[in-house]
Amino acid sequence: MKPFPWNAAMRFGLGVLRLPPRDFWAMTPRELASAWSALVGERAGPMGRRELDELMERFPDGQ
């Protein structure tokens, strides 16, 4: 397992995104990765049927 790339993460979060240190350190690695993918245009891919079914169950349309 590779160690987390803290130097690169700090350069991106503090330097590129210009987050205040308080906000950077409050982020999860997943949130930081999401910001990175939004900036470079990567997509996680389409939602699968199971995820859609779970969302529909959690947030049903009105009666």
Protein backbone atom coordinates (compact mmCIF):
# COMPACT_ATOMS: atom_id res chain seq x y z
CA MET A 1 0.00 0.00 0.00
CA LYS A 2 1.35 3.41 -0.98
CA PRO A 3 1.31 6.20 1.59
CA PHE A 4 -1.13 9.04 1.00
CA PRO A 5 0.47 11.76 -1.19
CA TRP A 6 0.17 14.57 1.34
CA ASN A 7 2.59 16.93 -0.44
CA ALA A 8 0.64 16.73 -3.70
CA ALA A 9 -2.68 17.00 -1.86
CA MET A 10 -1.54 20.11 0.00
CA ARG A 11 -0.19 21.71 -3.20
CA PHE A 12 -3.52 21.08 -4.90
CA GLY A 13 -5.80 22.05 -2.02
CA LEU A 14 -3.90 25.04 -0.73
CA GLY A 15 -2.21 26.18 -3.94
CA VAL A 16 -4.58 25.37 -6.79
CA LEU A 17 -7.94 25.50 -5.04
CA ARG A 18 -6.70 28.22 -2.66
CA LEU A 19 -8.56 26.68 0.25
CA PRO A 20 -7.91 28.15 3.67
CA PRO A 21 -5.95 25.61 5.76
CA ARG A 22 -8.96 25.13 8.04
CA ASP A 23 -11.13 24.09 5.08
CA PHE A 24 -8.43 21.91 3.53
CA TRP A 25 -7.84 19.93 6.72
CA ALA A 26 -11.61 19.53 7.22
CA MET A 27 -11.93 17.76 3.83
CA THR A 28 -11.88 14.01 3.45
CA PRO A 29 -9.54 12.46 0.87
CA ARG A 30 -12.64 11.51 -1.13
CA GLU A 31 -13.83 15.13 -1.19
CA LEU A 32 -10.39 16.26 -2.34
CA ALA A 33 -10.37 13.59 -5.07
CA SER A 34 -13.80 14.76 -6.21
CA ALA A 35 -12.55 18.34 -6.48
CA TRP A 36 -9.57 17.09 -8.49
CA SER A 37 -11.73 15.11 -10.90
CA ALA A 38 -14.07 18.08 -11.37
CA LEU A 39 -11.11 20.27 -12.26
CA VAL A 40 -9.44 17.86 -14.70
CA GLY A 41 -12.70 16.62 -16.20
CA GLU A 42 -12.57 13.00 -15.09
CA ARG A 43 -15.83 11.20 -14.54
CA ALA A 44 -16.49 8.37 -12.16
CA GLY A 45 -18.80 6.75 -14.69
CA PRO A 46 -22.53 6.31 -14.87
CA MET A 47 -24.57 5.31 -11.86
CA GLY A 48 -25.35 1.62 -11.68
CA ARG A 49 -28.84 0.18 -11.39
CA ARG A 50 -28.35 -0.79 -7.74
CA GLU A 51 -27.34 2.77 -6.79
CA LEU A 52 -30.31 4.17 -8.69
CA ASP A 53 -32.70 1.77 -6.96
CA GLU A 54 -31.26 2.74 -3.56
CA LEU A 55 -31.70 6.45 -4.31
CA MET A 56 -35.26 5.88 -5.53
CA GLU A 57 -36.04 4.00 -2.33
CA ARG A 58 -34.50 6.69 -0.12
CA PHE A 59 -36.08 9.59 -2.02
CA PRO A 60 -39.38 8.41 -3.50
CA ASP A 61 -41.47 10.63 -5.76
CA GLY A 62 -44.52 12.24 -4.19
CA GLN A 63 -47.72 10.23 -3.87
